[in-house]
PDB file of N, CA and C in Angstrom:
ATOM      1  N   MET A   1     -39.439   5.659  -6.960  1.00  0.00           N
ATOM      2  CA  MET A   1     -39.196   7.008  -7.403  1.00  0.00           C
ATOM      3  C   MET A   1     -37.862   7.521  -6.872  1.00  0.00           C
ATOM      4  N   ALA A   2     -37.588   7.263  -5.597  1.00  0.00           N
ATOM      5  CA  ALA A   2     -36.349   7.745  -4.988  1.00  0.00           C
ATOM      6  C   ALA A   2     -35.137   7.054  -5.582  1.00  0.00           C
ATOM      7  N   THR A   3     -35.266   5.774  -5.935  1.00  0.00           N
ATOM      8  CA  THR A   3     -34.116   5.064  -6.493  1.00  0.00           C
ATOM      9  C   THR A   3     -33.779   5.568  -7.880  1.00  0.00           C
ATOM     10  N   SER A   4     -34.790   5.951  -8.684  1.00  0.00           N
ATOM     11  CA  SER A   4     -34.484   6.457 -10.019  1.00  0.00           C
ATOM     12  C   SER A   4     -33.795   7.819  -9.942  1.00  0.00           C
ATOM     13  N   SER A   5     -34.200   8.673  -8.988  1.00  0.00           N
ATOM     14  CA  SER A   5     -33.524   9.962  -8.854  1.00  0.00           C
ATOM     15  C   SER A   5     -32.111   9.779  -8.303  1.00  0.00           C
ATOM     16  N   ALA A   6     -31.923   8.784  -7.427  1.00  0.00           N
ATOM     17  CA  ALA A   6     -30.578   8.502  -6.913  1.00  0.00           C
ATOM     18  C   ALA A   6     -29.686   7.977  -8.027  1.00  0.00           C
ATOM     19  N   ALA A   7     -30.236   7.120  -8.888  1.00  0.00           N
ATOM     20  CA  ALA A   7     -29.454   6.598 -10.013  1.00  0.00           C
ATOM     21  C   ALA A   7     -29.102   7.720 -10.978  1.00  0.00           C
ATOM     22  N   SER A   8     -30.044   8.623 -11.203  1.00  0.00           N
ATOM     23  CA  SER A   8     -29.790   9.760 -12.085  1.00  0.00           C
ATOM     24  C   SER A   8     -28.703  10.662 -11.505  1.00  0.00           C
ATOM     25  N   LEU A   9     -28.769  10.901 -10.200  1.00  0.00           N
ATOM     26  CA  LEU A   9     -27.750  11.719  -9.540  1.00  0.00           C
ATOM     27  C   LEU A   9     -26.384  11.049  -9.624  1.00  0.00           C
ATOM     28  N   ALA A  10     -26.344   9.733  -9.438  1.00  0.00           N
ATOM     29  CA  ALA A  10     -25.075   9.005  -9.516  1.00  0.00           C
ATOM     30  C   ALA A  10     -24.486   9.096 -10.914  1.00  0.00           C
ATOM     31  N   LYS A  11     -25.328   8.981 -11.941  1.00  0.00           N
ATOM     32  CA  LYS A  11     -24.837   9.069 -13.319  1.00  0.00           C
ATOM     33  C   LYS A  11     -24.299  10.465 -13.621  1.00  0.00           C
ATOM     34  N   ARG A  12     -24.985  11.489 -13.121  1.00  0.00           N
ATOM     35  CA  ARG A  12     -24.535  12.860 -13.376  1.00  0.00           C
ATOM     36  C   ARG A  12     -23.267  13.194 -12.602  1.00  0.00           C
ATOM     37  N   SER A  13     -23.114  12.648 -11.408  1.00  0.00           N
ATOM     38  CA  SER A  13     -21.964  13.013 -10.577  1.00  0.00           C
ATOM     39  C   SER A  13     -20.755  12.121 -10.804  1.00  0.00           C
ATOM     40  N   PHE A  14     -20.880  11.041 -11.589  1.00  0.00           N
ATOM     41  CA  PHE A  14     -19.749  10.139 -11.799  1.00  0.00           C
ATOM     42  C   PHE A  14     -18.521  10.841 -12.370  1.00  0.00           C
ATOM     43  N   PRO A  15     -18.640  11.709 -13.405  1.00  0.00           N
ATOM     44  CA  PRO A  15     -17.423  12.368 -13.910  1.00  0.00           C
ATOM     45  C   PRO A  15     -16.706  13.187 -12.842  1.00  0.00           C
ATOM     46  N   PHE A  16     -17.459  13.838 -11.961  1.00  0.00           N
ATOM     47  CA  PHE A  16     -16.839  14.635 -10.907  1.00  0.00           C
ATOM     48  C   PHE A  16     -16.132  13.743  -9.893  1.00  0.00           C
ATOM     49  N   ILE A  17     -16.755  12.616  -9.551  1.00  0.00           N
ATOM     50  CA  ILE A  17     -16.133  11.678  -8.611  1.00  0.00           C
ATOM     51  C   ILE A  17     -14.845  11.133  -9.206  1.00  0.00           C
ATOM     52  N   ALA A  18     -14.884  10.764 -10.489  1.00  0.00           N
ATOM     53  CA  ALA A  18     -13.686  10.244 -11.145  1.00  0.00           C
ATOM     54  C   ALA A  18     -12.597  11.310 -11.199  1.00  0.00           C
ATOM     55  N   LEU A  19     -12.967  12.546 -11.485  1.00  0.00           N
ATOM     56  CA  LEU A  19     -11.992  13.635 -11.548  1.00  0.00           C
ATOM     57  C   LEU A  19     -11.357  13.885 -10.189  1.00  0.00           C
ATOM     58  N   PHE A  20     -12.163  13.914  -9.132  1.00  0.00           N
ATOM     59  CA  PHE A  20     -11.621  14.126  -7.790  1.00  0.00           C
ATOM     60  C   PHE A  20     -10.737  12.961  -7.363  1.00  0.00           C
ATOM     61  N   SER A  21     -11.099  11.751  -7.758  1.00  0.00           N
ATOM     62  CA  SER A  21     -10.274  10.588  -7.421  1.00  0.00           C
ATOM     63  C   SER A  21      -8.920  10.678  -8.111  1.00  0.00           C
ATOM     64  N   LEU A  22      -8.926  11.065  -9.383  1.00  0.00           N
ATOM     65  CA  LEU A  22      -7.672  11.222 -10.113  1.00  0.00           C
ATOM     66  C   LEU A  22      -6.838  12.342  -9.500  1.00  0.00           C
ATOM     67  N   ALA A  23      -7.477  13.441  -9.129  1.00  0.00           N
ATOM     68  CA  ALA A  23      -6.753  14.545  -8.494  1.00  0.00           C
ATOM     69  C   ALA A  23      -6.137  14.100  -7.175  1.00  0.00           C
ATOM     70  N   TYR A  24      -6.865  13.293  -6.405  1.00  0.00           N
ATOM     71  CA  TYR A  24      -6.332  12.777  -5.142  1.00  0.00           C
ATOM     72  C   TYR A  24      -5.075  11.948  -5.392  1.00  0.00           C
ATOM     73  N   LEU A  25      -5.135  11.076  -6.383  1.00  0.00           N
ATOM     74  CA  LEU A  25      -3.978  10.233  -6.673  1.00  0.00           C
ATOM     75  C   LEU A  25      -2.800  11.060  -7.169  1.00  0.00           C
ATOM     76  N   LEU A  26      -3.069  12.082  -7.979  1.00  0.00           N
ATOM     77  CA  LEU A  26      -1.985  12.924  -8.484  1.00  0.00           C
ATOM     78  C   LEU A  26      -1.384  13.795  -7.383  1.00  0.00           C
ATOM     79  N   LEU A  27      -2.230  14.359  -6.535  1.00  0.00           N
ATOM     80  CA  LEU A  27      -1.731  15.248  -5.486  1.00  0.00           C
ATOM     81  C   LEU A  27      -0.974  14.501  -4.401  1.00  0.00           C
ATOM     82  N   THR A  28      -1.304  13.245  -4.178  1.00  0.00           N
ATOM     83  CA  THR A  28      -0.582  12.463  -3.181  1.00  0.00           C
ATOM     84  C   THR A  28       0.589  11.722  -3.805  1.00  0.00           C
ATOM     85  N   LYS A  29       0.810  11.978  -5.094  1.00  0.00           N
ATOM     86  CA  LYS A  29       1.934  11.393  -5.837  1.00  0.00           C
ATOM     87  C   LYS A  29       1.951   9.869  -5.759  1.00  0.00           C
ATOM     88  N   ARG A  30       0.777   9.271  -5.843  1.00  0.00           N
ATOM     89  CA  ARG A  30       0.678   7.811  -5.871  1.00  0.00           C
ATOM     90  C   ARG A  30       0.902   7.345  -7.301  1.00  0.00           C
ATOM     91  N   ARG A  31       1.537   6.225  -7.440  1.00  0.00           N
ATOM     92  CA  ARG A  31       1.755   5.643  -8.755  1.00  0.00           C
ATOM     93  C   ARG A  31       0.681   4.597  -9.005  1.00  0.00           C
ATOM     94  N   ILE A  32       0.033   4.681 -10.141  1.00  0.00           N
ATOM     95  CA  ILE A  32      -0.981   3.697 -10.499  1.00  0.00           C
ATOM     96  C   ILE A  32      -0.309   2.647 -11.364  1.00  0.00           C
ATOM     97  N   LEU A  33      -0.356   1.437 -10.918  1.00  0.00           N
ATOM     98  CA  LEU A  33       0.236   0.337 -11.657  1.00  0.00           C
ATOM     99  C   LEU A  33      -0.869  -0.578 -12.144  1.00  0.00           C
ATOM    100  N   PRO A  34      -0.681  -1.231 -13.297  1.00  0.00           N
ATOM    101  CA  PRO A  34      -1.711  -2.146 -13.762  1.00  0.00           C
ATOM    102  C   PRO A  34      -1.866  -3.314 -12.805  1.00  0.00           C
ATOM    103  N   ALA A  35      -3.033  -3.905 -12.826  1.00  0.00           N
ATOM    104  CA  ALA A  35      -3.290  -5.054 -11.959  1.00  0.00           C
ATOM    105  C   ALA A  35      -2.303  -6.162 -12.286  1.00  0.00           C
ATOM    106  N   SER A  36      -1.737  -6.747 -11.279  1.00  0.00           N
ATOM    107  CA  SER A  36      -0.750  -7.800 -11.480  1.00  0.00           C
ATOM    108  C   SER A  36      -1.389  -9.150 -11.212  1.00  0.00           C
ATOM    109  N   PRO A  37      -0.751 -10.231 -11.677  1.00  0.00           N
ATOM    110  CA  PRO A  37      -1.294 -11.557 -11.410  1.00  0.00           C
ATOM    111  C   PRO A  37      -1.358 -11.870  -9.927  1.00  0.00           C
ATOM    112  N   SER A  38      -0.615 -11.136  -9.093  1.00  0.00           N
ATOM    113  CA  SER A  38      -0.627 -11.410  -7.658  1.00  0.00           C
ATOM    114  C   SER A  38      -1.695 -10.610  -6.930  1.00  0.00           C
ATOM    115  N   SER A  39      -2.632  -9.999  -7.681  1.00  0.00           N
ATOM    116  CA  SER A  39      -3.678  -9.220  -7.026  1.00  0.00           C
ATOM    117  C   SER A  39      -4.632 -10.136  -6.278  1.00  0.00           C
ATOM    118  N   SER A  40      -5.526  -9.534  -5.508  1.00  0.00           N
ATOM    119  CA  SER A  40      -6.431 -10.333  -4.683  1.00  0.00           C
ATOM    120  C   SER A  40      -7.433 -11.109  -5.516  1.00  0.00           C
ATOM    121  N   PHE A  41      -7.512 -10.844  -6.814  1.00  0.00           N
ATOM    122  CA  PHE A  41      -8.433 -11.570  -7.668  1.00  0.00           C
ATOM    123  C   PHE A  41      -7.768 -12.774  -8.317  1.00  0.00           C
ATOM    124  N   SER A  42      -6.543 -13.050  -7.972  1.00  0.00           N
ATOM    125  CA  SER A  42      -5.834 -14.199  -8.508  1.00  0.00           C
ATOM    126  C   SER A  42      -6.437 -15.482  -7.955  1.00  0.00           C
ATOM    127  N   SER A  43      -6.471 -16.515  -8.790  1.00  0.00           N
ATOM    128  CA  SER A  43      -7.050 -17.784  -8.351  1.00  0.00           C
ATOM    129  C   SER A  43      -6.041 -18.636  -7.584  1.00  0.00           C
ATOM    130  N   GLU A  44      -4.769 -18.240  -7.598  1.00  0.00           N
ATOM    131  CA  GLU A  44      -3.761 -19.015  -6.884  1.00  0.00           C
ATOM    132  C   GLU A  44      -3.745 -18.624  -5.410  1.00  0.00           C
ATOM    133  N   PRO A  45      -3.545 -19.604  -4.513  1.00  0.00           N
ATOM    134  CA  PRO A  45      -3.536 -19.279  -3.085  1.00  0.00           C
ATOM    135  C   PRO A  45      -2.301 -18.475  -2.703  1.00  0.00           C
ATOM    136  N   SER A  46      -2.457 -17.618  -1.709  1.00  0.00           N
ATOM    137  CA  SER A  46      -1.359 -16.806  -1.213  1.00  0.00           C
ATOM    138  C   SER A  46      -0.448 -17.665  -0.340  1.00  0.00           C
ATOM    139  N   SER A  47       0.849 -17.307  -0.287  1.00  0.00           N
ATOM    140  CA  SER A  47       1.781 -18.088   0.524  1.00  0.00           C
ATOM    141  C   SER A  47       1.495 -17.913   2.011  1.00  0.00           C
ATOM    142  N   SER A  48       1.071 -16.722   2.422  1.00  0.00           N
ATOM    143  CA  SER A  48       0.700 -16.505   3.814  1.00  0.00           C
ATOM    144  C   SER A  48      -0.474 -15.533   3.855  1.00  0.00           C
ATOM    145  N   PRO A  49      -1.427 -15.769   4.727  1.00  0.00           N
ATOM    146  CA  PRO A  49      -2.580 -14.869   4.785  1.00  0.00           C
ATOM    147  C   PRO A  49      -2.174 -13.498   5.314  1.00  0.00           C
ATOM    148  N   PRO A  50      -2.795 -12.421   4.796  1.00  0.00           N
ATOM    149  CA  PRO A  50      -2.442 -11.084   5.278  1.00  0.00           C
ATOM    150  C   PRO A  50      -2.921 -10.882   6.710  1.00  0.00           C
ATOM    151  N   THR A  51      -2.166 -10.080   7.448  1.00  0.00           N
ATOM    152  CA  THR A  51      -2.553  -9.755   8.819  1.00  0.00           C
ATOM    153  C   THR A  51      -3.163  -8.360   8.846  1.00  0.00           C
ATOM    154  N   ILE A  52      -3.773  -8.004   9.961  1.00  0.00           N
ATOM    155  CA  ILE A  52      -4.412  -6.697  10.084  1.00  0.00           C
ATOM    156  C   ILE A  52      -3.373  -5.584  10.040  1.00  0.00           C
ATOM    157  N   ASP A  53      -2.172  -5.815  10.565  1.00  0.00           N
ATOM    158  CA  ASP A  53      -1.127  -4.792  10.597  1.00  0.00           C
ATOM    159  C   ASP A  53      -0.361  -4.683   9.281  1.00  0.00           C
ATOM    160  N   ASP A  54      -0.613  -5.578   8.345  1.00  0.00           N
ATOM    161  CA  ASP A  54       0.097  -5.584   7.072  1.00  0.00           C
ATOM    162  C   ASP A  54      -0.391  -4.415   6.212  1.00  0.00           C
ATOM    163  N   PRO A  55       0.507  -3.457   5.808  1.00  0.00           N
ATOM    164  CA  PRO A  55       0.069  -2.325   4.991  1.00  0.00           C
ATOM    165  C   PRO A  55      -0.456  -2.754   3.625  1.00  0.00           C
ATOM    166  N   ASN A  56      -0.084  -3.957   3.161  1.00  0.00           N
ATOM    167  CA  ASN A  56      -0.600  -4.443   1.887  1.00  0.00           C
ATOM    168  C   ASN A  56      -2.062  -4.839   1.972  1.00  0.00           C
ATOM    169  N   SER A  57      -2.595  -5.012   3.182  1.00  0.00           N
ATOM    170  CA  SER A  57      -3.992  -5.408   3.320  1.00  0.00           C
ATOM    171  C   SER A  57      -4.862  -4.279   3.857  1.00  0.00           C
ATOM    172  N   GLN A  58      -4.267  -3.148   4.247  1.00  0.00           N
ATOM    173  CA  GLN A  58      -5.035  -2.029   4.788  1.00  0.00           C
ATOM    174  C   GLN A  58      -5.430  -1.081   3.654  1.00  0.00           C
ATOM    175  N   VAL A  59      -6.723  -0.932   3.439  1.00  0.00           N
ATOM    176  CA  VAL A  59      -7.231  -0.080   2.369  1.00  0.00           C
ATOM    177  C   VAL A  59      -7.246   1.368   2.839  1.00  0.00           C
ATOM    178  N   GLU A  60      -6.605   2.240   2.051  1.00  0.00           N
ATOM    179  CA  GLU A  60      -6.590   3.668   2.366  1.00  0.00           C
ATOM    180  C   GLU A  60      -7.720   4.390   1.648  1.00  0.00           C
ATOM    181  N   PHE A  61      -7.990   3.996   0.404  1.00  0.00           N
ATOM    182  CA  PHE A  61      -9.016   4.642  -0.413  1.00  0.00           C
ATOM    183  C   PHE A  61      -9.635   3.591  -1.311  1.00  0.00           C
ATOM    184  N   ASP A  62     -10.961   3.472  -1.273  1.00  0.00           N
ATOM    185  CA  ASP A  62     -11.659   2.474  -2.082  1.00  0.00           C
ATOM    186  C   ASP A  62     -12.630   3.187  -3.006  1.00  0.00           C
ATOM    187  N   PHE A  63     -12.348   3.151  -4.294  1.00  0.00           N
ATOM    188  CA  PHE A  63     -13.229   3.731  -5.297  1.00  0.00           C
ATOM    189  C   PHE A  63     -13.871   2.581  -6.056  1.00  0.00           C
ATOM    190  N   ALA A  64     -14.747   1.859  -5.334  1.00  0.00           N
ATOM    191  CA  ALA A  64     -15.387   0.666  -5.887  1.00  0.00           C
ATOM    192  C   ALA A  64     -16.300   1.058  -7.034  1.00  0.00           C
ATOM    193  N   PRO A  65     -16.388   0.285  -8.062  1.00  0.00           N
ATOM    194  CA  PRO A  65     -15.706  -0.978  -8.328  1.00  0.00           C
ATOM    195  C   PRO A  65     -14.459  -0.810  -9.174  1.00  0.00           C
ATOM    196  N   PHE A  66     -13.898   0.400  -9.249  1.00  0.00           N
ATOM    197  CA  PHE A  66     -12.815   0.651 -10.184  1.00  0.00           C
ATOM    198  C   PHE A  66     -11.418   0.396  -9.632  1.00  0.00           C
ATOM    199  N   LEU A  67     -11.091   0.972  -8.500  1.00  0.00           N
ATOM    200  CA  LEU A  67      -9.749   0.758  -7.967  1.00  0.00           C
ATOM    201  C   LEU A  67      -9.766   0.809  -6.454  1.00  0.00           C
ATOM    202  N   ARG A  68      -8.707   0.258  -5.889  1.00  0.00           N
ATOM    203  CA  ARG A  68      -8.522   0.239  -4.434  1.00  0.00           C
ATOM    204  C   ARG A  68      -7.071   0.613  -4.165  1.00  0.00           C
ATOM    205  N   LEU A  69      -6.856   1.587  -3.270  1.00  0.00           N
ATOM    206  CA  LEU A  69      -5.523   2.057  -2.909  1.00  0.00           C
ATOM    207  C   LEU A  69      -5.214   1.577  -1.502  1.00  0.00           C
ATOM    208  N   TYR A  70      -4.080   0.891  -1.342  1.00  0.00           N
ATOM    209  CA  TYR A  70      -3.676   0.360  -0.040  1.00  0.00           C
ATOM    210  C   TYR A  70      -2.673   1.305   0.616  1.00  0.00           C
ATOM    211  N   LYS A  71      -2.529   1.205   1.928  1.00  0.00           N
ATOM    212  CA  LYS A  71      -1.612   2.074   2.679  1.00  0.00           C
ATOM    213  C   LYS A  71      -0.166   1.893   2.245  1.00  0.00           C
ATOM    214  N   SER A  72       0.180   0.740   1.694  1.00  0.00           N
ATOM    215  CA  SER A  72       1.549   0.502   1.232  1.00  0.00           C
ATOM    216  C   SER A  72       1.853   1.252  -0.059  1.00  0.00           C
ATOM    217  N   GLY A  73       0.810   1.832  -0.700  1.00  0.00           N
ATOM    218  CA  GLY A  73       0.998   2.514  -1.973  1.00  0.00           C
ATOM    219  C   GLY A  73       0.594   1.661  -3.155  1.00  0.00           C
ATOM    220  N   ARG A  74       0.308   0.392  -2.912  1.00  0.00           N
ATOM    221  CA  ARG A  74      -0.117  -0.513  -3.979  1.00  0.00           C
ATOM    222  C   ARG A  74      -1.520  -0.124  -4.421  1.00  0.00           C
ATOM    223  N   VAL A  75      -1.735  -0.135  -5.735  1.00  0.00           N
ATOM    224  CA  VAL A  75      -3.040   0.191  -6.298  1.00  0.00           C
ATOM    225  C   VAL A  75      -3.535  -1.018  -7.064  1.00  0.00           C
ATOM    226  N   GLU A  76      -4.775  -1.361  -6.825  1.00  0.00           N
ATOM    227  CA  GLU A  76      -5.381  -2.515  -7.481  1.00  0.00           C
ATOM    228  C   GLU A  76      -6.470  -2.009  -8.411  1.00  0.00           C
ATOM    229  N   ARG A  77      -6.298  -2.234  -9.694  1.00  0.00           N
ATOM    230  CA  ARG A  77      -7.337  -1.865 -10.652  1.00  0.00           C
ATOM    231  C   ARG A  77      -8.297  -3.032 -10.740  1.00  0.00           C
ATOM    232  N   ARG A  78      -9.533  -2.787 -10.379  1.00  0.00           N
ATOM    233  CA  ARG A  78     -10.505  -3.868 -10.340  1.00  0.00           C
ATOM    234  C   ARG A  78     -11.234  -3.996 -11.665  1.00  0.00           C
ATOM    235  N   VAL A  79     -11.543  -2.893 -12.296  1.00  0.00           N
ATOM    236  CA  VAL A  79     -12.211  -2.897 -13.590  1.00  0.00           C
ATOM    237  C   VAL A  79     -11.355  -2.053 -14.520  1.00  0.00           C
ATOM    238  N   VAL A  80     -10.846  -2.651 -15.564  1.00  0.00           N
ATOM    239  CA  VAL A  80     -10.040  -1.918 -16.530  1.00  0.00           C
ATOM    240  C   VAL A  80     -10.956  -1.554 -17.695  1.00  0.00           C
ATOM    241  N   PRO A  81     -11.216  -0.268 -17.904  1.00  0.00           N
ATOM    242  CA  PRO A  81     -12.137   0.127 -18.977  1.00  0.00           C
ATOM    243  C   PRO A  81     -11.533  -0.119 -20.355  1.00  0.00           C
ATOM    244  N   ALA A  82     -12.393  -0.342 -21.318  1.00  0.00           N
ATOM    245  CA  ALA A  82     -11.945  -0.527 -22.699  1.00  0.00           C
ATOM    246  C   ALA A  82     -11.393   0.798 -23.217  1.00  0.00           C
ATOM    247  N   VAL A  83     -10.306   0.730 -23.963  1.00  0.00           N
ATOM    248  CA  VAL A  83      -9.693   1.930 -24.518  1.00  0.00           C
ATOM    249  C   VAL A  83     -10.286   2.167 -25.906  1.00  0.00           C
ATOM    250  N   VAL A  84     -10.834   3.343 -26.099  1.00  0.00           N
ATOM    251  CA  VAL A  84     -11.426   3.739 -27.372  1.00  0.00           C
ATOM    252  C   VAL A  84     -10.529   4.814 -27.958  1.00  0.00           C
ATOM    253  N   PRO A  85     -10.200   4.737 -29.256  1.00  0.00           N
ATOM    254  CA  PRO A  85      -9.309   5.747 -29.823  1.00  0.00           C
ATOM    255  C   PRO A  85      -9.934   7.142 -29.809  1.00  0.00           C
ATOM    256  N   ALA A  86      -9.066   8.150 -29.756  1.00  0.00           N
ATOM    257  CA  ALA A  86      -9.518   9.542 -29.774  1.00  0.00           C
ATOM    258  C   ALA A  86     -10.080   9.876 -31.152  1.00  0.00           C
ATOM    259  N   SER A  87     -10.885  10.911 -31.204  1.00  0.00           N
ATOM    260  CA  SER A  87     -11.519  11.334 -32.454  1.00  0.00           C
ATOM    261  C   SER A  87     -11.156  12.791 -32.734  1.00  0.00           C
ATOM    262  N   PRO A  88     -10.056  13.026 -33.495  1.00  0.00           N
ATOM    263  CA  PRO A  88      -9.631  14.405 -33.726  1.00  0.00           C
ATOM    264  C   PRO A  88     -10.596  15.212 -34.596  1.00  0.00           C
ATOM    265  N   SER A  89     -11.429  14.551 -35.396  1.00  0.00           N
ATOM    266  CA  SER A  89     -12.409  15.294 -36.194  1.00  0.00           C
ATOM    267  C   SER A  89     -13.791  15.060 -35.602  1.00  0.00           C
ATOM    268  N   ALA A  90     -14.468  16.130 -35.273  1.00  0.00           N
ATOM    269  CA  ALA A  90     -15.759  16.035 -34.599  1.00  0.00           C
ATOM    270  C   ALA A  90     -16.894  15.932 -35.607  1.00  0.00           C
ATOM    271  N   ALA A  91     -17.900  15.179 -35.232  1.00  0.00           N
ATOM    272  CA  ALA A  91     -19.123  15.118 -36.019  1.00  0.00           C
ATOM    273  C   ALA A  91     -19.922  16.390 -35.737  1.00  0.00           C
ATOM    274  N   PRO A  92     -20.842  16.748 -36.605  1.00  0.00           N
ATOM    275  CA  PRO A  92     -21.656  17.948 -36.333  1.00  0.00           C
ATOM    276  C   PRO A  92     -22.372  17.827 -34.989  1.00  0.00           C
ATOM    277  N   GLY A  93     -22.237  18.852 -34.171  1.00  0.00           N
ATOM    278  CA  GLY A  93     -22.860  18.836 -32.851  1.00  0.00           C
ATOM    279  C   GLY A  93     -22.093  18.028 -31.826  1.00  0.00           C
ATOM    280  N   GLY A  94     -20.942  17.496 -32.193  1.00  0.00           N
ATOM    281  CA  GLY A  94     -20.154  16.668 -31.283  1.00  0.00           C
ATOM    282  C   GLY A  94     -18.938  17.400 -30.760  1.00  0.00           C
ATOM    283  N   ALA A  95     -17.926  16.630 -30.384  1.00  0.00           N
ATOM    284  CA  ALA A  95     -16.694  17.201 -29.848  1.00  0.00           C
ATOM    285  C   ALA A  95     -15.505  16.419 -30.384  1.00  0.00           C
ATOM    286  N   ALA A  96     -14.427  17.124 -30.649  1.00  0.00           N
ATOM    287  CA  ALA A  96     -13.178  16.470 -31.036  1.00  0.00           C
ATOM    288  C   ALA A  96     -12.441  16.084 -29.762  1.00  0.00           C
ATOM    289  N   SER A  97     -11.673  15.002 -29.814  1.00  0.00           N
ATOM    290  CA  SER A  97     -10.929  14.581 -28.624  1.00  0.00           C
ATOM    291  C   SER A  97      -9.490  14.257 -28.997  1.00  0.00           C
ATOM    292  N   PHE A  98      -8.586  14.535 -28.050  1.00  0.00           N
ATOM    293  CA  PHE A  98      -7.165  14.280 -28.228  1.00  0.00           C
ATOM    294  C   PHE A  98      -6.624  13.662 -26.950  1.00  0.00           C
ATOM    295  N   ASP A  99      -5.687  12.724 -27.086  1.00  0.00           N
ATOM    296  CA  ASP A  99      -5.062  12.100 -25.929  1.00  0.00           C
ATOM    297  C   ASP A  99      -3.728  12.780 -25.645  1.00  0.00           C
ATOM    298  N   VAL A 100      -3.472  13.060 -24.359  1.00  0.00           N
ATOM    299  CA  VAL A 100      -2.239  13.715 -23.925  1.00  0.00           C
ATOM    300  C   VAL A 100      -1.617  12.865 -22.828  1.00  0.00           C
ATOM    301  N   VAL A 101      -0.322  12.536 -22.966  1.00  0.00           N
ATOM    302  CA  VAL A 101       0.385  11.768 -21.942  1.00  0.00           C
ATOM    303  C   VAL A 101       0.875  12.740 -20.877  1.00  0.00           C
ATOM    304  N   LEU A 102       0.459  12.514 -19.623  1.00  0.00           N
ATOM    305  CA  LEU A 102       0.848  13.387 -18.513  1.00  0.00           C
ATOM    306  C   LEU A 102       2.123  12.916 -17.830  1.00  0.00           C
ATOM    307  N   ASP A 103       2.293  11.609 -17.705  1.00  0.00           N
ATOM    308  CA  ASP A 103       3.472  11.049 -17.044  1.00  0.00           C
ATOM    309  C   ASP A 103       3.942   9.834 -17.836  1.00  0.00           C
ATOM    310  N   PRO A 104       5.012   9.982 -18.640  1.00  0.00           N
ATOM    311  CA  PRO A 104       5.474   8.866 -19.465  1.00  0.00           C
ATOM    312  C   PRO A 104       5.961   7.663 -18.650  1.00  0.00           C
ATOM    313  N   LEU A 105       6.437   7.897 -17.419  1.00  0.00           N
ATOM    314  CA  LEU A 105       6.937   6.783 -16.609  1.00  0.00           C
ATOM    315  C   LEU A 105       5.829   5.817 -16.208  1.00  0.00           C
ATOM    316  N   THR A 106       4.667   6.352 -15.894  1.00  0.00           N
ATOM    317  CA  THR A 106       3.559   5.497 -15.467  1.00  0.00           C
ATOM    318  C   THR A 106       2.536   5.271 -16.560  1.00  0.00           C
ATOM    319  N   GLY A 107       2.624   6.043 -17.647  1.00  0.00           N
ATOM    320  CA  GLY A 107       1.644   5.917 -18.711  1.00  0.00           C
ATOM    321  C   GLY A 107       0.352   6.656 -18.414  1.00  0.00           C
ATOM    322  N   LEU A 108       0.371   7.555 -17.439  1.00  0.00           N
ATOM    323  CA  LEU A 108      -0.816   8.320 -17.088  1.00  0.00           C
ATOM    324  C   LEU A 108      -1.142   9.276 -18.226  1.00  0.00           C
ATOM    325  N   ALA A 109      -2.368   9.189 -18.718  1.00  0.00           N
ATOM    326  CA  ALA A 109      -2.790  10.016 -19.838  1.00  0.00           C
ATOM    327  C   ALA A 109      -4.158  10.606 -19.550  1.00  0.00           C
ATOM    328  N   ALA A 110      -4.483  11.649 -20.286  1.00  0.00           N
ATOM    329  CA  ALA A 110      -5.794  12.287 -20.164  1.00  0.00           C
ATOM    330  C   ALA A 110      -6.343  12.508 -21.562  1.00  0.00           C
ATOM    331  N   ARG A 111      -7.645  12.484 -21.674  1.00  0.00           N
ATOM    332  CA  ARG A 111      -8.297  12.778 -22.951  1.00  0.00           C
ATOM    333  C   ARG A 111      -8.941  14.151 -22.844  1.00  0.00           C
ATOM    334  N   LEU A 112      -8.589  15.023 -23.780  1.00  0.00           N
ATOM    335  CA  LEU A 112      -9.139  16.377 -23.815  1.00  0.00           C
ATOM    336  C   LEU A 112     -10.242  16.432 -24.865  1.00  0.00           C
ATOM    337  N   TYR A 113     -11.345  17.064 -24.512  1.00  0.00           N
ATOM    338  CA  TYR A 113     -12.485  17.195 -25.418  1.00  0.00           C
ATOM    339  C   TYR A 113     -12.652  18.659 -25.799  1.00  0.00           C
ATOM    340  N   PHE A 114     -12.813  18.901 -27.089  1.00  0.00           N
ATOM    341  CA  PHE A 114     -13.012  20.246 -27.610  1.00  0.00           C
ATOM    342  C   PHE A 114     -14.341  20.281 -28.352  1.00  0.00           C
ATOM    343  N   PRO A 115     -15.330  20.998 -27.814  1.00  0.00           N
ATOM    344  CA  PRO A 115     -16.628  21.052 -28.492  1.00  0.00           C
ATOM    345  C   PRO A 115     -16.539  21.862 -29.780  1.00  0.00           C
ATOM    346  N   VAL A 116     -17.387  21.513 -30.711  1.00  0.00           N
ATOM    347  CA  VAL A 116     -17.471  22.277 -31.950  1.00  0.00           C
ATOM    348  C   VAL A 116     -18.342  23.491 -31.667  1.00  0.00           C
ATOM    349  N   LEU A 117     -17.758  24.666 -31.816  1.00  0.00           N
ATOM    350  CA  LEU A 117     -18.493  25.901 -31.547  1.00  0.00           C
ATOM    351  C   LEU A 117     -19.257  26.321 -32.797  1.00  0.00           C
ATOM    352  N   PRO A 118     -20.472  26.786 -32.617  1.00  0.00           N
ATOM    353  CA  PRO A 118     -21.235  27.235 -33.793  1.00  0.00           C
ATOM    354  C   PRO A 118     -20.590  28.479 -34.399  1.00  0.00           C
ATOM    355  N   THR A 119     -20.680  28.581 -35.706  1.00  0.00           N
ATOM    356  CA  THR A 119     -20.119  29.758 -36.371  1.00  0.00           C
ATOM    357  C   THR A 119     -21.033  30.950 -36.113  1.00  0.00           C
ATOM    358  N   PRO A 120     -20.457  32.097 -35.780  1.00  0.00           N
ATOM    359  CA  PRO A 120     -21.300  33.273 -35.496  1.00  0.00           C
ATOM    360  C   PRO A 120     -21.972  33.780 -36.773  1.00  0.00           C
ATOM    361  N   ARG A 121     -23.209  34.215 -36.621  1.00  0.00           N
ATOM    362  CA  ARG A 121     -23.940  34.782 -37.764  1.00  0.00           C
ATOM    363  C   ARG A 121     -23.598  36.258 -37.897  1.00  0.00           C
ATOM    364  N   ARG A 122     -23.470  36.713 -39.124  1.00  0.00           N
ATOM    365  CA  ARG A 122     -23.132  38.124 -39.366  1.00  0.00           C
ATOM    366  C   ARG A 122     -24.240  38.806 -40.089  1.00  0.00           C
TER     367      ARG A 122
END
């Protein structure tokens, strides 16, 4: 019983966690870069093992399983979500969505949702 309520709470709070994580990255002026072949998930061996004092190996913020931010400023995207096109025309009872580019240099974008408001009765 407790696990189902915890799972329900996690599902409901995920958008807020994602929003706060994005706000943290924007307010600290961190640049999000796509995962590179040299990320820790690469199958090729590293030339030298990372040390504890290496800023490239020190995690500053871990938003598992989506991204990991290192003290050096490097960001590792662990799960890249599928991109679904925006829907400018809403279905009945749905919402229209539009994509807005926030930072052209990094490709940071946001999707805005506009609910369909019921027409007032007269």
